[in-house]
């Protein structure tokens, strides 16, 4: 069914489903979307700056960086991208938009490359990676949707039902880890693995995009849950 993770409870109600035996959340960006240049997720292609998971909803990345105050842009890039040069990048975006639209991924990459100092351009990660991640998360309100979805899913589990979550960056993983710990402290969940499961060399060789994946899993105890 078409919908956001945050719509989980509404989707269950619409489908007349009361409880689930299990949930599997894969929080990664769809490769089918990521590899379509026109979606604007990747800086590998020069394409319209969109980044919406659902092209019928919300602001595009172009609209976000065209409207947001400098301080808000800096916060988004720092918090969601963990980018240490967030202030420089935000300032450069605001300066550039005074004279021209920033409407393509190529234009944004050029701004980032000019804003990031020499020492930030020669690491293992492309200088635009963290900013693009941050904007994608903000455009789709991903962390808020995840937070709500976890709460809803835990409440919709049958006793002994499993909830498994695959995350791909530390912000998502931290939310999952903390929510599972809270539910364990409340007696609602039992955590199945002390540490997250990660892909082995063989899997990474077959699917390089799995390299940053972390799987956390928990089981509903039945406390406070229906049959």
N, C-alpha and C. Protein backbone atom coordinates (compact mmCIF):
# COMPACT_ATOMS: atom_id res chain seq x y z
N UNK A 1 0.84 -1.19 0.00
CA UNK A 1 0.00 0.00 0.00
C UNK A 1 0.88 1.24 0.00
N UNK A 2 0.45 2.23 -0.74
CA UNK A 2 1.22 3.48 -0.82
C UNK A 2 1.00 4.29 0.45
N UNK A 3 2.10 4.64 1.10
CA UNK A 3 1.97 5.46 2.31
C UNK A 3 3.31 5.63 3.00
N UNK A 4 3.36 6.56 3.90
CA UNK A 4 4.54 6.86 4.69
C UNK A 4 4.57 5.95 5.92
N UNK A 5 5.79 5.67 6.43
CA UNK A 5 5.89 4.90 7.69
C UNK A 5 5.01 5.51 8.78
N UNK A 6 4.97 6.83 8.79
CA UNK A 6 4.18 7.51 9.81
C UNK A 6 2.68 7.31 9.67
N UNK A 7 2.24 6.76 8.53
CA UNK A 7 0.82 6.51 8.30
C UNK A 7 0.41 5.11 8.72
N UNK A 8 1.30 4.38 9.37
CA UNK A 8 1.09 2.96 9.64
C UNK A 8 -0.24 2.66 10.32
N UNK A 9 -0.52 3.39 11.39
CA UNK A 9 -1.75 3.12 12.15
C UNK A 9 -2.99 3.36 11.30
N UNK A 10 -2.98 4.45 10.53
CA UNK A 10 -4.12 4.77 9.67
C UNK A 10 -4.30 3.71 8.59
N UNK A 11 -3.19 3.19 8.06
CA UNK A 11 -3.26 2.15 7.03
C UNK A 11 -3.86 0.87 7.63
N UNK A 12 -3.48 0.54 8.85
CA UNK A 12 -4.05 -0.64 9.51
C UNK A 12 -5.56 -0.47 9.70
N UNK A 13 -5.96 0.69 10.16
CA UNK A 13 -7.38 0.94 10.39
C UNK A 13 -8.16 0.87 9.08
N UNK A 14 -7.61 1.45 8.03
CA UNK A 14 -8.26 1.44 6.72
C UNK A 14 -8.38 0.02 6.18
N UNK A 15 -7.42 -0.83 6.52
CA UNK A 15 -7.39 -2.20 6.01
C UNK A 15 -8.08 -3.18 6.95
N UNK A 16 -8.63 -2.67 8.07
CA UNK A 16 -9.30 -3.52 9.06
C UNK A 16 -8.37 -4.60 9.63
N UNK A 17 -7.10 -4.21 9.84
CA UNK A 17 -6.14 -5.11 10.47
C UNK A 17 -5.92 -4.64 11.91
N UNK A 18 -6.10 -5.54 12.86
CA UNK A 18 -5.97 -5.16 14.27
C UNK A 18 -4.55 -5.30 14.79
N UNK A 19 -3.92 -6.45 14.51
CA UNK A 19 -2.58 -6.71 15.03
C UNK A 19 -1.74 -7.40 13.97
N UNK A 20 -0.43 -7.33 14.13
CA UNK A 20 0.49 -7.96 13.18
C UNK A 20 1.40 -8.96 13.90
N UNK A 21 1.78 -10.01 13.18
CA UNK A 21 2.75 -10.98 13.71
C UNK A 21 4.17 -10.40 13.68
N UNK A 22 4.39 -9.45 12.78
CA UNK A 22 5.73 -8.89 12.72
C UNK A 22 5.81 -7.69 11.79
N UNK A 23 6.85 -6.91 11.98
CA UNK A 23 7.14 -5.75 11.12
C UNK A 23 8.59 -5.81 10.70
N UNK A 24 8.83 -5.50 9.43
CA UNK A 24 10.19 -5.31 8.94
C UNK A 24 10.27 -3.94 8.29
N UNK A 25 11.06 -3.07 8.89
CA UNK A 25 11.29 -1.73 8.35
C UNK A 25 12.65 -1.71 7.66
N UNK A 26 12.68 -1.36 6.40
CA UNK A 26 13.93 -1.12 5.68
C UNK A 26 13.99 0.38 5.42
N UNK A 27 14.85 1.07 6.16
CA UNK A 27 14.85 2.53 6.15
C UNK A 27 15.70 3.14 5.03
N UNK A 28 16.29 2.30 4.21
CA UNK A 28 17.13 2.81 3.13
C UNK A 28 16.32 3.45 2.02
N UNK A 29 16.97 4.37 1.31
CA UNK A 29 16.36 4.95 0.12
C UNK A 29 16.24 3.85 -0.93
N UNK A 30 15.13 3.79 -1.62
CA UNK A 30 14.94 2.81 -2.67
C UNK A 30 15.98 3.00 -3.77
N UNK A 31 16.67 1.92 -4.13
CA UNK A 31 17.66 2.01 -5.21
C UNK A 31 16.99 2.42 -6.52
N UNK A 32 15.75 1.99 -6.72
CA UNK A 32 15.03 2.36 -7.94
C UNK A 32 14.81 3.87 -8.01
N UNK A 33 14.56 4.50 -6.85
CA UNK A 33 14.42 5.95 -6.81
C UNK A 33 15.79 6.63 -6.89
N UNK A 34 16.73 6.09 -6.15
CA UNK A 34 18.06 6.71 -6.03
C UNK A 34 18.75 6.77 -7.38
N UNK A 35 18.54 5.75 -8.21
CA UNK A 35 19.23 5.67 -9.49
C UNK A 35 18.49 6.39 -10.62
N UNK A 36 17.36 6.99 -10.31
CA UNK A 36 16.66 7.80 -11.30
C UNK A 36 17.11 9.25 -11.14
N UNK A 37 17.85 9.73 -12.13
CA UNK A 37 18.44 11.06 -12.02
C UNK A 37 17.40 12.13 -11.71
N UNK A 38 16.22 12.01 -12.32
CA UNK A 38 15.21 13.06 -12.19
C UNK A 38 14.63 13.19 -10.79
N UNK A 39 14.88 12.19 -9.93
CA UNK A 39 14.38 12.29 -8.55
C UNK A 39 15.24 13.21 -7.70
N UNK A 40 16.46 13.46 -8.12
CA UNK A 40 17.31 14.44 -7.44
C UNK A 40 17.92 14.00 -6.13
N UNK A 41 17.98 12.67 -5.90
CA UNK A 41 18.56 12.18 -4.64
C UNK A 41 20.08 12.15 -4.68
N UNK A 42 20.64 11.97 -5.85
CA UNK A 42 22.08 11.71 -5.96
C UNK A 42 22.82 12.86 -6.63
N UNK A 43 24.02 13.12 -6.13
CA UNK A 43 24.86 14.15 -6.74
C UNK A 43 25.68 13.58 -7.90
N UNK A 44 25.47 12.31 -8.21
CA UNK A 44 26.17 11.70 -9.35
C UNK A 44 25.60 12.20 -10.67
N UNK A 45 24.35 12.67 -10.63
CA UNK A 45 23.70 13.16 -11.85
C UNK A 45 23.32 14.63 -11.67
N UNK A 46 23.37 15.39 -12.75
CA UNK A 46 22.88 16.76 -12.70
C UNK A 46 21.40 16.73 -13.07
N UNK A 47 20.55 16.97 -12.08
CA UNK A 47 19.11 16.76 -12.26
C UNK A 47 18.34 17.76 -11.40
N UNK A 48 17.03 17.88 -11.61
CA UNK A 48 16.22 18.77 -10.77
C UNK A 48 16.36 18.40 -9.30
N UNK A 49 16.40 19.41 -8.45
CA UNK A 49 16.64 19.22 -7.03
C UNK A 49 15.30 18.95 -6.33
N UNK A 50 14.87 17.68 -6.35
CA UNK A 50 13.56 17.31 -5.81
C UNK A 50 13.71 16.62 -4.45
N UNK A 51 14.10 15.37 -4.43
CA UNK A 51 14.37 14.56 -3.23
C UNK A 51 13.13 14.08 -2.49
N UNK A 52 11.95 14.30 -3.02
CA UNK A 52 10.76 13.79 -2.33
C UNK A 52 10.57 12.31 -2.61
N UNK A 53 10.30 11.54 -1.56
CA UNK A 53 9.94 10.12 -1.74
C UNK A 53 8.59 10.03 -2.47
N UNK A 54 7.67 10.89 -2.07
CA UNK A 54 6.35 10.95 -2.69
C UNK A 54 6.28 12.26 -3.47
N UNK A 55 6.27 12.14 -4.78
CA UNK A 55 6.34 13.35 -5.61
C UNK A 55 5.05 14.16 -5.59
N UNK A 56 4.04 13.65 -4.90
CA UNK A 56 2.78 14.38 -4.80
C UNK A 56 2.67 15.16 -3.50
N UNK A 57 3.69 15.09 -2.65
CA UNK A 57 3.54 15.69 -1.32
C UNK A 57 4.77 16.49 -0.92
N UNK A 58 4.52 17.59 -0.20
CA UNK A 58 5.58 18.34 0.46
C UNK A 58 6.43 19.22 -0.43
N UNK A 59 7.36 19.91 0.23
CA UNK A 59 8.30 20.79 -0.46
C UNK A 59 9.41 19.99 -1.12
N UNK A 60 9.91 20.47 -2.24
CA UNK A 60 11.09 19.88 -2.85
C UNK A 60 12.33 20.41 -2.14
N UNK A 61 13.47 19.77 -2.40
CA UNK A 61 14.72 20.27 -1.83
C UNK A 61 15.03 21.67 -2.37
N UNK A 62 14.69 21.92 -3.62
CA UNK A 62 14.90 23.27 -4.19
C UNK A 62 14.11 24.30 -3.40
N UNK A 63 12.85 24.00 -3.12
CA UNK A 63 12.01 24.94 -2.37
C UNK A 63 12.53 25.13 -0.95
N UNK A 64 13.00 24.05 -0.34
CA UNK A 64 13.52 24.14 1.03
C UNK A 64 14.73 25.06 1.11
N UNK A 65 15.72 24.84 0.23
CA UNK A 65 16.92 25.68 0.32
C UNK A 65 16.68 27.07 -0.24
N UNK A 66 15.58 27.24 -0.95
CA UNK A 66 15.25 28.56 -1.46
C UNK A 66 14.51 29.43 -0.48
N UNK A 67 13.92 28.81 0.56
CA UNK A 67 13.08 29.54 1.51
C UNK A 67 13.63 29.58 2.94
N UNK A 68 14.29 28.52 3.35
CA UNK A 68 14.69 28.40 4.76
C UNK A 68 15.71 29.47 5.15
N UNK A 69 15.58 30.05 6.34
CA UNK A 69 16.58 31.00 6.83
C UNK A 69 17.94 30.31 6.97
N UNK A 70 19.00 31.09 6.95
CA UNK A 70 20.35 30.54 7.02
C UNK A 70 20.55 29.68 8.27
N UNK A 71 20.05 30.15 9.41
CA UNK A 71 20.24 29.40 10.65
C UNK A 71 19.53 28.04 10.60
N UNK A 72 18.37 28.01 9.97
CA UNK A 72 17.62 26.76 9.85
C UNK A 72 18.33 25.80 8.91
N UNK A 73 18.85 26.32 7.81
CA UNK A 73 19.61 25.47 6.88
C UNK A 73 20.85 24.89 7.57
N UNK A 74 21.53 25.71 8.34
CA UNK A 74 22.71 25.25 9.06
C UNK A 74 22.34 24.15 10.05
N UNK A 75 21.22 24.33 10.75
CA UNK A 75 20.78 23.31 11.72
C UNK A 75 20.46 21.99 11.02
N UNK A 76 19.72 22.07 9.92
CA UNK A 76 19.36 20.86 9.18
C UNK A 76 20.60 20.11 8.71
N UNK A 77 21.54 20.84 8.12
CA UNK A 77 22.74 20.20 7.58
C UNK A 77 23.61 19.62 8.69
N UNK A 78 23.64 20.30 9.84
CA UNK A 78 24.45 19.81 10.96
C UNK A 78 23.79 18.62 11.66
N UNK A 79 22.50 18.76 11.97
CA UNK A 79 21.81 17.71 12.74
C UNK A 79 21.53 16.46 11.91
N UNK A 80 21.08 16.64 10.69
CA UNK A 80 20.67 15.50 9.88
C UNK A 80 21.81 14.95 9.01
N UNK A 81 22.82 15.76 8.77
CA UNK A 81 23.94 15.30 7.97
C UNK A 81 25.21 15.11 8.77
N UNK A 82 25.20 15.61 10.02
CA UNK A 82 26.39 15.57 10.88
C UNK A 82 27.60 16.16 10.14
N UNK A 83 27.31 17.28 9.45
CA UNK A 83 28.29 17.96 8.63
C UNK A 83 28.96 19.08 9.43
N UNK A 84 30.27 18.97 9.62
CA UNK A 84 30.99 19.95 10.46
C UNK A 84 31.11 21.32 9.80
N UNK A 85 30.94 21.38 8.46
CA UNK A 85 31.02 22.67 7.77
C UNK A 85 29.62 23.21 7.44
N UNK A 86 28.65 22.85 8.24
CA UNK A 86 27.25 23.21 7.97
C UNK A 86 27.04 24.73 7.87
N UNK A 87 27.68 25.49 8.72
CA UNK A 87 27.49 26.94 8.69
C UNK A 87 28.03 27.55 7.40
N UNK A 88 29.17 27.07 6.98
CA UNK A 88 29.78 27.59 5.74
C UNK A 88 28.90 27.24 4.54
N UNK A 89 28.39 26.03 4.53
CA UNK A 89 27.55 25.59 3.41
C UNK A 89 26.24 26.37 3.39
N UNK A 90 25.61 26.52 4.55
CA UNK A 90 24.35 27.27 4.63
C UNK A 90 24.55 28.72 4.19
N UNK A 91 25.63 29.33 4.63
CA UNK A 91 25.91 30.72 4.24
C UNK A 91 26.11 30.82 2.73
N UNK A 92 26.81 29.86 2.14
CA UNK A 92 27.06 29.88 0.71
C UNK A 92 25.76 29.70 -0.08
N UNK A 93 24.87 28.86 0.42
CA UNK A 93 23.58 28.66 -0.24
C UNK A 93 22.77 29.95 -0.24
N UNK A 94 22.71 30.59 0.90
CA UNK A 94 21.93 31.83 1.03
C UNK A 94 22.51 32.94 0.14
N UNK A 95 23.82 33.03 0.08
CA UNK A 95 24.45 34.04 -0.77
C UNK A 95 24.14 33.78 -2.24
N UNK A 96 24.23 32.53 -2.65
CA UNK A 96 24.01 32.19 -4.06
C UNK A 96 22.55 32.41 -4.47
N UNK A 97 21.60 32.09 -3.59
CA UNK A 97 20.19 32.20 -3.97
C UNK A 97 19.72 33.65 -4.13
N UNK A 98 20.53 34.58 -3.67
CA UNK A 98 20.19 36.00 -3.86
C UNK A 98 20.26 36.39 -5.33
N UNK A 99 21.09 35.69 -6.08
CA UNK A 99 21.31 36.06 -7.47
C UNK A 99 20.83 35.01 -8.48
N UNK A 100 20.57 33.79 -8.00
CA UNK A 100 20.17 32.74 -8.95
C UNK A 100 19.45 31.60 -8.23
N UNK A 101 18.56 30.93 -8.96
CA UNK A 101 17.89 29.75 -8.42
C UNK A 101 18.88 28.61 -8.28
N UNK A 102 18.74 27.89 -7.18
CA UNK A 102 19.54 26.67 -7.01
C UNK A 102 18.59 25.51 -7.27
N UNK A 103 18.44 25.15 -8.52
CA UNK A 103 17.37 24.23 -8.90
C UNK A 103 17.84 22.89 -9.43
N UNK A 104 19.16 22.65 -9.41
CA UNK A 104 19.66 21.35 -9.85
C UNK A 104 20.69 20.82 -8.84
N UNK A 105 20.88 19.51 -8.87
CA UNK A 105 21.86 18.89 -7.98
C UNK A 105 23.26 19.40 -8.31
N UNK A 106 23.53 19.61 -9.60
CA UNK A 106 24.85 20.09 -9.99
C UNK A 106 25.18 21.45 -9.41
N UNK A 107 24.20 22.35 -9.42
CA UNK A 107 24.41 23.68 -8.86
C UNK A 107 24.68 23.61 -7.36
N UNK A 108 23.95 22.72 -6.67
CA UNK A 108 24.15 22.60 -5.23
C UNK A 108 25.52 21.99 -4.93
N UNK A 109 25.92 21.00 -5.68
CA UNK A 109 27.25 20.40 -5.48
C UNK A 109 28.33 21.45 -5.67
N UNK A 110 28.19 22.29 -6.68
CA UNK A 110 29.18 23.34 -6.94
C UNK A 110 29.29 24.30 -5.75
N UNK A 111 28.15 24.65 -5.16
CA UNK A 111 28.14 25.55 -3.99
C UNK A 111 28.85 24.89 -2.81
N UNK A 112 28.53 23.61 -2.59
CA UNK A 112 29.14 22.89 -1.48
C UNK A 112 30.65 22.79 -1.67
N UNK A 113 31.08 22.46 -2.86
CA UNK A 113 32.51 22.30 -3.12
C UNK A 113 33.26 23.60 -2.91
N UNK A 114 32.63 24.73 -3.23
CA UNK A 114 33.27 26.02 -3.02
C UNK A 114 33.29 26.41 -1.54
N UNK A 115 32.27 25.94 -0.79
CA UNK A 115 32.16 26.31 0.62
C UNK A 115 33.06 25.49 1.53
N UNK A 116 33.25 24.23 1.18
CA UNK A 116 34.04 23.33 2.02
C UNK A 116 35.53 23.63 1.84
N UNK A 117 36.28 23.78 2.93
CA UNK A 117 37.72 24.07 2.81
C UNK A 117 38.48 22.87 2.25
N UNK A 118 39.70 23.10 1.87
CA UNK A 118 40.54 22.08 1.22
C UNK A 118 40.58 20.78 2.03
N UNK A 119 40.74 20.89 3.35
CA UNK A 119 40.88 19.69 4.18
C UNK A 119 39.62 18.82 4.18
N UNK A 120 38.47 19.42 3.81
CA UNK A 120 37.23 18.66 3.80
C UNK A 120 36.91 18.04 2.46
N UNK A 121 37.77 18.25 1.47
CA UNK A 121 37.50 17.76 0.11
C UNK A 121 38.22 16.47 -0.24
N UNK A 122 39.05 15.98 0.65
CA UNK A 122 39.90 14.85 0.28
C UNK A 122 39.75 13.67 1.24
N UNK A 123 38.60 13.54 1.84
CA UNK A 123 38.34 12.40 2.70
C UNK A 123 37.76 11.24 1.91
N UNK A 124 37.35 10.21 2.62
CA UNK A 124 36.78 9.00 2.00
C UNK A 124 35.39 9.27 1.44
N UNK A 125 34.69 10.24 2.06
CA UNK A 125 33.31 10.55 1.68
C UNK A 125 33.28 11.82 0.83
N UNK A 126 32.48 11.80 -0.23
CA UNK A 126 32.34 12.99 -1.09
C UNK A 126 31.83 14.17 -0.26
N UNK A 127 32.36 15.37 -0.46
CA UNK A 127 31.97 16.53 0.34
C UNK A 127 30.47 16.85 0.33
N UNK A 128 29.75 16.42 -0.71
CA UNK A 128 28.32 16.72 -0.79
C UNK A 128 27.45 15.68 -0.11
N UNK A 129 28.02 14.54 0.27
CA UNK A 129 27.24 13.41 0.77
C UNK A 129 26.37 13.79 1.97
N UNK A 130 26.97 14.42 2.97
CA UNK A 130 26.24 14.70 4.21
C UNK A 130 25.15 15.75 4.00
N UNK A 131 25.42 16.74 3.18
CA UNK A 131 24.41 17.77 2.92
C UNK A 131 23.23 17.18 2.16
N UNK A 132 23.49 16.34 1.18
CA UNK A 132 22.41 15.70 0.43
C UNK A 132 21.58 14.80 1.34
N UNK A 133 22.25 14.06 2.22
CA UNK A 133 21.52 13.22 3.18
C UNK A 133 20.63 14.08 4.07
N UNK A 134 21.18 15.18 4.57
CA UNK A 134 20.43 16.05 5.47
C UNK A 134 19.19 16.63 4.80
N UNK A 135 19.34 17.09 3.58
CA UNK A 135 18.20 17.68 2.86
C UNK A 135 17.14 16.64 2.57
N UNK A 136 17.57 15.43 2.19
CA UNK A 136 16.61 14.35 1.93
C UNK A 136 15.81 14.01 3.19
N UNK A 137 16.48 13.93 4.32
CA UNK A 137 15.80 13.63 5.59
C UNK A 137 14.81 14.73 5.93
N UNK A 138 15.23 15.99 5.74
CA UNK A 138 14.36 17.12 6.07
C UNK A 138 13.16 17.18 5.13
N UNK A 139 13.40 17.02 3.83
CA UNK A 139 12.31 17.09 2.85
C UNK A 139 11.23 16.06 3.14
N UNK A 140 11.65 14.86 3.54
CA UNK A 140 10.70 13.77 3.77
C UNK A 140 10.32 13.59 5.23
N UNK A 141 10.85 14.45 6.11
CA UNK A 141 10.57 14.38 7.55
C UNK A 141 10.77 12.95 8.06
N UNK A 142 11.88 12.34 7.66
CA UNK A 142 12.09 10.91 7.87
C UNK A 142 12.20 10.51 9.34
N UNK A 143 12.89 11.30 10.15
CA UNK A 143 13.13 10.90 11.53
C UNK A 143 11.84 10.97 12.37
N UNK A 144 11.04 12.00 12.12
CA UNK A 144 9.76 12.11 12.82
C UNK A 144 8.84 10.96 12.42
N UNK A 145 8.83 10.62 11.12
CA UNK A 145 8.01 9.51 10.64
C UNK A 145 8.47 8.20 11.26
N UNK A 146 9.78 8.00 11.38
CA UNK A 146 10.30 6.78 11.99
C UNK A 146 9.90 6.68 13.46
N UNK A 147 10.05 7.78 14.18
CA UNK A 147 9.69 7.81 15.59
C UNK A 147 8.23 7.39 15.80
N UNK A 148 7.35 7.97 15.01
CA UNK A 148 5.92 7.66 15.11
C UNK A 148 5.64 6.22 14.70
N UNK A 149 6.30 5.77 13.62
CA UNK A 149 6.07 4.42 13.12
C UNK A 149 6.49 3.37 14.14
N UNK A 150 7.60 3.59 14.84
CA UNK A 150 8.04 2.63 15.85
C UNK A 150 7.03 2.52 16.98
N UNK A 151 6.54 3.67 17.45
CA UNK A 151 5.52 3.66 18.50
C UNK A 151 4.28 2.90 18.05
N UNK A 152 3.82 3.20 16.83
CA UNK A 152 2.61 2.56 16.31
C UNK A 152 2.83 1.06 16.14
N UNK A 153 3.98 0.68 15.58
CA UNK A 153 4.25 -0.74 15.31
C UNK A 153 4.31 -1.55 16.60
N UNK A 154 4.96 -1.00 17.62
CA UNK A 154 5.04 -1.72 18.90
C UNK A 154 3.65 -1.94 19.46
N UNK A 155 2.78 -0.94 19.33
CA UNK A 155 1.42 -1.08 19.82
C UNK A 155 0.56 -2.01 18.99
N UNK A 156 0.96 -2.25 17.75
CA UNK A 156 0.17 -3.09 16.85
C UNK A 156 0.67 -4.54 16.78
N UNK A 157 1.71 -4.85 17.56
CA UNK A 157 2.26 -6.21 17.56
C UNK A 157 1.41 -7.16 18.41
N UNK A 158 1.28 -8.39 17.90
CA UNK A 158 0.71 -9.45 18.72
C UNK A 158 1.75 -9.89 19.75
N UNK A 159 1.32 -10.56 20.80
CA UNK A 159 2.26 -11.13 21.76
C UNK A 159 3.20 -12.07 21.03
N UNK A 160 4.50 -11.97 21.33
CA UNK A 160 5.57 -12.73 20.69
C UNK A 160 5.83 -12.30 19.25
N UNK A 161 5.18 -11.25 18.80
CA UNK A 161 5.45 -10.71 17.47
C UNK A 161 6.81 -10.04 17.42
N UNK A 162 7.42 -10.05 16.25
CA UNK A 162 8.76 -9.46 16.08
C UNK A 162 8.69 -8.12 15.35
N UNK A 163 9.61 -7.25 15.72
CA UNK A 163 9.82 -6.01 14.98
C UNK A 163 11.30 -5.93 14.64
N UNK A 164 11.60 -5.82 13.35
CA UNK A 164 12.97 -5.76 12.85
C UNK A 164 13.16 -4.47 12.07
N UNK A 165 14.25 -3.79 12.32
CA UNK A 165 14.50 -2.50 11.65
C UNK A 165 15.91 -2.48 11.09
N UNK A 166 16.02 -2.22 9.78
CA UNK A 166 17.32 -2.07 9.13
C UNK A 166 17.55 -0.58 8.91
N UNK A 167 18.60 -0.05 9.52
CA UNK A 167 18.93 1.38 9.37
C UNK A 167 20.26 1.50 8.65
N UNK A 168 20.51 2.72 8.14
CA UNK A 168 21.70 2.92 7.31
C UNK A 168 22.57 4.09 7.76
N UNK A 169 22.15 4.81 8.77
CA UNK A 169 23.02 5.84 9.32
C UNK A 169 22.73 6.01 10.80
N UNK A 170 23.63 6.69 11.49
CA UNK A 170 23.61 6.71 12.96
C UNK A 170 22.37 7.39 13.53
N UNK A 171 21.80 8.37 12.83
CA UNK A 171 20.62 9.06 13.35
C UNK A 171 19.44 8.10 13.47
N UNK A 172 19.21 7.31 12.41
CA UNK A 172 18.13 6.32 12.44
C UNK A 172 18.41 5.26 13.49
N UNK A 173 19.63 4.73 13.49
CA UNK A 173 19.97 3.64 14.41
C UNK A 173 19.81 4.07 15.86
N UNK A 174 20.15 5.32 16.16
CA UNK A 174 20.03 5.83 17.53
C UNK A 174 18.57 5.86 17.96
N UNK A 175 17.69 6.29 17.06
CA UNK A 175 16.26 6.33 17.38
C UNK A 175 15.73 4.93 17.67
N UNK A 176 16.11 3.96 16.82
CA UNK A 176 15.65 2.58 16.99
C UNK A 176 16.18 2.01 18.30
N UNK A 177 17.47 2.17 18.53
CA UNK A 177 18.09 1.64 19.75
C UNK A 177 17.42 2.21 21.00
N UNK A 178 17.22 3.51 21.04
CA UNK A 178 16.64 4.15 22.21
C UNK A 178 15.18 3.73 22.42
N UNK A 179 14.42 3.61 21.32
CA UNK A 179 13.01 3.22 21.46
C UNK A 179 12.89 1.79 21.93
N UNK A 180 13.74 0.90 21.44
CA UNK A 180 13.73 -0.49 21.89
C UNK A 180 14.11 -0.56 23.38
N UNK A 181 15.09 0.23 23.78
CA UNK A 181 15.50 0.23 25.19
C UNK A 181 14.37 0.72 26.09
N UNK A 182 13.67 1.77 25.65
CA UNK A 182 12.54 2.28 26.43
C UNK A 182 11.45 1.23 26.55
N UNK A 183 11.15 0.56 25.44
CA UNK A 183 10.11 -0.46 25.46
C UNK A 183 10.52 -1.66 26.32
N UNK A 184 11.80 -1.96 26.33
CA UNK A 184 12.29 -3.05 27.19
C UNK A 184 12.13 -2.66 28.66
N UNK A 185 12.48 -1.41 28.99
CA UNK A 185 12.35 -0.94 30.36
C UNK A 185 10.89 -0.94 30.82
N UNK A 186 9.98 -0.73 29.87
CA UNK A 186 8.54 -0.75 30.17
C UNK A 186 7.99 -2.17 30.22
N UNK A 187 8.83 -3.14 29.87
CA UNK A 187 8.40 -4.53 29.86
C UNK A 187 7.61 -4.93 28.63
N UNK A 188 7.62 -4.08 27.60
CA UNK A 188 6.81 -4.33 26.40
C UNK A 188 7.56 -5.16 25.37
N UNK A 189 8.89 -4.95 25.27
CA UNK A 189 9.71 -5.66 24.29
C UNK A 189 10.86 -6.39 24.96
N UNK A 190 11.27 -7.49 24.36
CA UNK A 190 12.55 -8.14 24.66
C UNK A 190 13.46 -7.91 23.46
N UNK A 191 14.64 -7.39 23.70
CA UNK A 191 15.59 -7.14 22.62
C UNK A 191 16.28 -8.46 22.26
N UNK A 192 16.27 -8.83 20.99
CA UNK A 192 16.75 -10.14 20.57
C UNK A 192 18.27 -10.21 20.40
N UNK A 193 18.91 -9.09 20.08
CA UNK A 193 20.36 -9.06 19.91
C UNK A 193 20.93 -7.87 20.67
N UNK A 194 21.95 -8.11 21.47
CA UNK A 194 22.55 -7.02 22.24
C UNK A 194 23.15 -5.96 21.31
N UNK A 195 23.76 -6.42 20.23
CA UNK A 195 24.34 -5.51 19.25
C UNK A 195 23.64 -5.72 17.90
N UNK A 196 23.58 -4.68 17.08
CA UNK A 196 22.92 -4.85 15.79
C UNK A 196 23.67 -5.83 14.89
N UNK A 197 22.93 -6.54 14.04
CA UNK A 197 23.54 -7.44 13.07
C UNK A 197 23.98 -6.60 11.86
N UNK A 198 25.15 -6.94 11.32
CA UNK A 198 25.68 -6.19 10.17
C UNK A 198 26.07 -7.18 9.07
N UNK A 199 26.13 -6.72 7.82
CA UNK A 199 26.45 -7.62 6.71
C UNK A 199 27.90 -8.08 6.74
N UNK A 200 28.12 -9.31 6.28
CA UNK A 200 29.48 -9.83 6.18
C UNK A 200 30.14 -9.40 4.87
N UNK A 201 31.38 -9.79 4.71
CA UNK A 201 32.13 -9.39 3.52
C UNK A 201 31.47 -9.91 2.24
N UNK A 202 30.92 -11.12 2.31
CA UNK A 202 30.28 -11.71 1.13
C UNK A 202 29.09 -10.90 0.68
N UNK A 203 28.25 -10.52 1.64
CA UNK A 203 27.06 -9.74 1.29
C UNK A 203 27.45 -8.36 0.76
N UNK A 204 28.43 -7.74 1.38
CA UNK A 204 28.88 -6.42 0.93
C UNK A 204 29.46 -6.52 -0.49
N UNK A 205 30.16 -7.63 -0.76
CA UNK A 205 30.71 -7.83 -2.10
C UNK A 205 29.61 -7.93 -3.15
N UNK A 206 28.51 -8.62 -2.81
CA UNK A 206 27.40 -8.77 -3.74
C UNK A 206 26.55 -7.50 -3.83
N UNK A 207 26.45 -6.79 -2.71
CA UNK A 207 25.60 -5.59 -2.64
C UNK A 207 26.32 -4.50 -1.85
N UNK A 208 27.16 -3.70 -2.49
CA UNK A 208 27.95 -2.69 -1.77
C UNK A 208 27.11 -1.72 -0.95
N UNK A 209 25.86 -1.48 -1.36
CA UNK A 209 25.03 -0.52 -0.63
C UNK A 209 24.59 -1.05 0.74
N UNK A 210 24.84 -2.33 0.99
CA UNK A 210 24.48 -2.89 2.30
C UNK A 210 25.55 -2.62 3.36
N UNK A 211 26.68 -2.04 2.98
CA UNK A 211 27.83 -1.95 3.88
C UNK A 211 27.54 -1.21 5.18
N UNK A 212 26.63 -0.24 5.15
CA UNK A 212 26.36 0.53 6.37
C UNK A 212 25.11 0.06 7.11
N UNK A 213 24.51 -1.04 6.64
CA UNK A 213 23.25 -1.50 7.23
C UNK A 213 23.43 -2.08 8.63
N UNK A 214 22.48 -1.79 9.50
CA UNK A 214 22.43 -2.37 10.84
C UNK A 214 21.01 -2.87 11.10
N UNK A 215 20.90 -4.11 11.53
CA UNK A 215 19.59 -4.70 11.81
C UNK A 215 19.43 -4.87 13.32
N UNK A 216 18.39 -4.26 13.87
CA UNK A 216 18.00 -4.47 15.26
C UNK A 216 16.66 -5.16 15.29
N UNK A 217 16.49 -6.07 16.25
CA UNK A 217 15.25 -6.85 16.33
C UNK A 217 14.81 -7.00 17.77
N UNK A 218 13.49 -7.04 17.96
CA UNK A 218 12.91 -7.20 19.29
C UNK A 218 11.62 -8.00 19.19
N UNK A 219 11.17 -8.54 20.31
CA UNK A 219 9.96 -9.35 20.36
C UNK A 219 9.01 -8.79 21.41
N UNK A 220 7.73 -8.74 21.07
CA UNK A 220 6.72 -8.25 22.01
C UNK A 220 6.49 -9.26 23.13
N UNK A 221 6.51 -8.79 24.35
CA UNK A 221 6.32 -9.68 25.51
C UNK A 221 4.86 -10.04 25.72
N UNK A 222 3.98 -9.19 25.19
CA UNK A 222 2.54 -9.40 25.43
C UNK A 222 2.01 -8.50 26.51
N UNK A 223 2.88 -7.82 27.26
CA UNK A 223 2.45 -6.92 28.30
C UNK A 223 1.74 -5.71 27.69
N UNK A 224 0.51 -5.50 28.05
CA UNK A 224 -0.22 -4.35 27.55
C UNK A 224 -0.68 -4.48 26.13
N UNK A 225 -0.49 -5.68 25.53
CA UNK A 225 -0.89 -5.89 24.15
C UNK A 225 -2.08 -6.82 24.07
N UNK A 226 -2.80 -6.75 22.97
CA UNK A 226 -3.93 -7.63 22.75
C UNK A 226 -3.47 -9.01 22.33
N UNK A 227 -4.41 -9.93 22.06
CA UNK A 227 -4.04 -11.29 21.65
C UNK A 227 -3.41 -11.31 20.27
